[in-house]
Amino acid sequence: MQEYIEFVQAHHLLMLGFAAVLGLIIWSEYSRLTRKYKQVNVNQAVQVLNRDNVTVIDVRGDNEVRNGVIKGAKIIPLTDISKHLPALEKNKNNPFLVYCGSGNRSGHVCNILTQNGFSDVYNLTGGIMAWTSENLPLNKK
């Protein structure tokens, strides 16, 4: 036991890095376990799209949507989502599929939606990059 104490005392920076990484792992797992939306892959997203009354939201910026969007998607950039919440409220109990370029920004929007009482929210894992890598169609704007 004495060796461990000496090691910790001799390697402050290493132990600080270890504590930071451990904290990030714990935070990441806690976030994953407590999120209220569902992560879906491309195949599951297609199944969600085939459901009735699904609302598809593309949260990418204007310069990103030029290459195409998933059919029927409403383009609402991440920065404008709070302005559009009142309009989305009428479909609050219907499914929502949210995507972005890689799945990170859309995860943030999914959190916002679930915090505002939206109950059936899905985030496309990998975003539009995963969609196009599966050679699925895009509508050009």
Protein backbone atom coordinates (compact mmCIF):
# COMPACT_ATOMS: atom_id res chain seq x y z
CA MET A 1 0.00 0.00 0.00
CA GLN A 2 2.89 2.31 0.80
CA GLU A 3 4.14 1.97 -2.81
CA TYR A 4 0.83 3.26 -4.17
CA ILE A 5 0.93 6.29 -1.90
CA GLU A 6 4.51 7.05 -2.95
CA PHE A 7 3.56 6.66 -6.62
CA VAL A 8 0.64 9.09 -6.28
CA GLN A 9 2.83 11.60 -4.44
CA ALA A 10 5.57 11.36 -7.06
CA HIS A 11 3.28 11.59 -10.12
CA HIS A 12 0.77 14.39 -9.53
CA LEU A 13 0.26 15.22 -13.21
CA LEU A 14 -0.28 11.59 -14.16
CA MET A 15 -2.85 11.15 -11.40
CA LEU A 16 -4.60 14.38 -12.39
CA GLY A 17 -4.88 13.08 -15.96
CA PHE A 18 -6.20 9.75 -14.68
CA ALA A 19 -8.82 11.50 -12.55
CA ALA A 20 -9.89 13.65 -15.51
CA VAL A 21 -10.27 10.65 -17.83
CA LEU A 22 -12.13 8.69 -15.17
CA GLY A 23 -14.45 11.64 -14.61
CA LEU A 24 -15.17 11.92 -18.33
CA ILE A 25 -15.96 8.21 -18.56
CA ILE A 26 -18.33 8.40 -15.61
CA TRP A 27 -20.03 11.53 -17.02
CA SER A 28 -20.37 9.92 -20.46
CA GLU A 29 -21.92 6.75 -19.08
CA TYR A 30 -24.24 8.70 -16.78
CA SER A 31 -25.41 10.80 -19.75
CA ARG A 32 -25.97 7.68 -21.85
CA LEU A 33 -27.99 5.96 -19.13
CA THR A 34 -30.16 8.97 -18.31
CA ARG A 35 -30.96 10.31 -21.80
CA LYS A 36 -34.63 10.23 -22.71
CA TYR A 37 -34.26 9.91 -26.47
CA LYS A 38 -33.29 6.84 -28.48
CA GLN A 39 -30.17 6.44 -30.59
CA VAL A 40 -30.97 4.72 -33.90
CA ASN A 41 -28.76 3.45 -36.69
CA VAL A 42 -29.61 3.97 -40.36
CA ASN A 43 -31.76 0.82 -40.64
CA GLN A 44 -33.75 1.72 -37.54
CA ALA A 45 -34.12 5.29 -38.84
CA VAL A 46 -35.71 3.95 -42.04
CA GLN A 47 -38.20 2.04 -39.88
CA VAL A 48 -38.99 5.25 -37.97
CA LEU A 49 -39.43 7.11 -41.26
CA ASN A 50 -41.98 4.52 -42.38
CA ARG A 51 -44.19 5.27 -39.37
CA ASP A 52 -47.17 7.61 -39.64
CA ASN A 53 -46.87 11.25 -38.60
CA VAL A 54 -43.10 11.25 -38.16
CA THR A 55 -41.43 14.66 -38.12
CA VAL A 56 -37.88 14.70 -39.52
CA ILE A 57 -35.62 17.55 -38.43
CA ASP A 58 -32.30 18.40 -40.06
CA VAL A 59 -30.29 20.62 -37.71
CA ARG A 60 -27.38 21.31 -40.07
CA GLY A 61 -26.52 24.76 -41.31
CA ASP A 62 -27.50 26.21 -44.69
CA ASN A 63 -24.16 25.46 -46.30
CA GLU A 64 -24.40 21.78 -45.24
CA VAL A 65 -27.91 21.12 -46.55
CA ARG A 66 -26.93 22.07 -50.11
CA ASN A 67 -25.73 18.51 -50.69
CA GLY A 68 -29.18 17.15 -49.87
CA VAL A 69 -31.54 16.23 -47.07
CA ILE A 70 -33.57 13.20 -46.09
CA LYS A 71 -36.97 13.30 -47.79
CA GLY A 72 -39.52 15.34 -45.85
CA ALA A 73 -37.01 16.88 -43.45
CA LYS A 74 -37.65 20.29 -41.92
CA ILE A 75 -34.44 22.32 -41.90
CA ILE A 76 -34.09 23.89 -38.47
CA PRO A 77 -30.48 24.80 -37.63
CA LEU A 78 -29.36 24.05 -34.09
CA THR A 79 -29.16 27.76 -33.29
CA ASP A 80 -32.84 28.26 -34.24
CA ILE A 81 -34.42 25.27 -32.49
CA SER A 82 -35.80 27.28 -29.55
CA LYS A 83 -37.64 29.61 -31.96
CA HIS A 84 -39.34 26.65 -33.65
CA LEU A 85 -40.42 24.79 -30.49
CA PRO A 86 -43.90 26.36 -30.39
CA ALA A 87 -44.61 25.22 -33.96
CA LEU A 88 -43.36 21.71 -33.21
CA GLU A 89 -45.48 21.43 -30.04
CA LYS A 90 -48.62 20.48 -31.99
CA ASN A 91 -46.93 17.18 -32.94
CA LYS A 92 -45.41 16.65 -29.51
CA ASN A 93 -46.68 13.07 -29.12
CA ASN A 94 -45.68 11.96 -32.63
CA PRO A 95 -42.26 10.50 -33.43
CA PHE A 96 -39.37 12.88 -34.19
CA LEU A 97 -36.25 11.80 -36.06
CA VAL A 98 -33.43 14.33 -35.69
CA TYR A 99 -30.14 14.30 -37.58
CA CYS A 100 -27.13 16.45 -38.37
CA GLY A 101 -23.78 15.81 -40.03
CA SER A 102 -22.42 13.25 -37.57
CA GLY A 103 -24.98 12.85 -34.77
CA ASN A 104 -23.54 15.24 -32.18
CA ARG A 105 -25.58 18.41 -32.75
CA SER A 106 -28.73 16.37 -33.23
CA GLY A 107 -28.14 14.74 -29.84
CA HIS A 108 -28.21 18.20 -28.29
CA VAL A 109 -31.49 18.98 -30.06
CA CYS A 110 -32.93 15.65 -28.90
CA ASN A 111 -32.13 16.67 -25.32
CA ILE A 112 -33.91 19.99 -25.84
CA LEU A 113 -36.97 18.26 -27.27
CA THR A 114 -37.24 15.71 -24.46
CA GLN A 115 -36.75 18.43 -21.84
CA ASN A 116 -39.74 20.20 -23.40
CA GLY A 117 -42.00 17.16 -23.12
CA PHE A 118 -41.54 15.50 -26.51
CA SER A 119 -41.92 11.81 -25.81
CA ASP A 120 -40.89 9.86 -28.93
CA VAL A 121 -37.54 11.30 -30.08
CA TYR A 122 -34.85 9.53 -32.11
CA ASN A 123 -31.30 10.62 -32.93
CA LEU A 124 -29.69 9.25 -36.10
CA THR A 125 -26.33 7.87 -34.99
CA GLY A 126 -23.64 8.99 -37.43
CA GLY A 127 -25.96 11.59 -38.95
CA ILE A 128 -26.08 12.24 -42.66
CA MET A 129 -22.60 10.73 -43.06
CA ALA A 130 -23.95 7.33 -41.96
CA TRP A 131 -27.00 7.82 -44.19
CA THR A 132 -24.94 8.51 -47.31
CA SER A 133 -22.45 5.74 -46.52
CA GLU A 134 -25.38 3.32 -46.83
CA ASN A 135 -26.17 4.84 -50.26
CA LEU A 136 -29.62 5.97 -49.15
CA PRO A 137 -31.30 8.73 -51.16
CA LEU A 138 -31.16 12.44 -50.47
CA ASN A 139 -33.41 15.17 -51.84
CA LYS A 140 -31.49 18.12 -53.24
CA LYS A 141 -32.62 21.55 -52.09
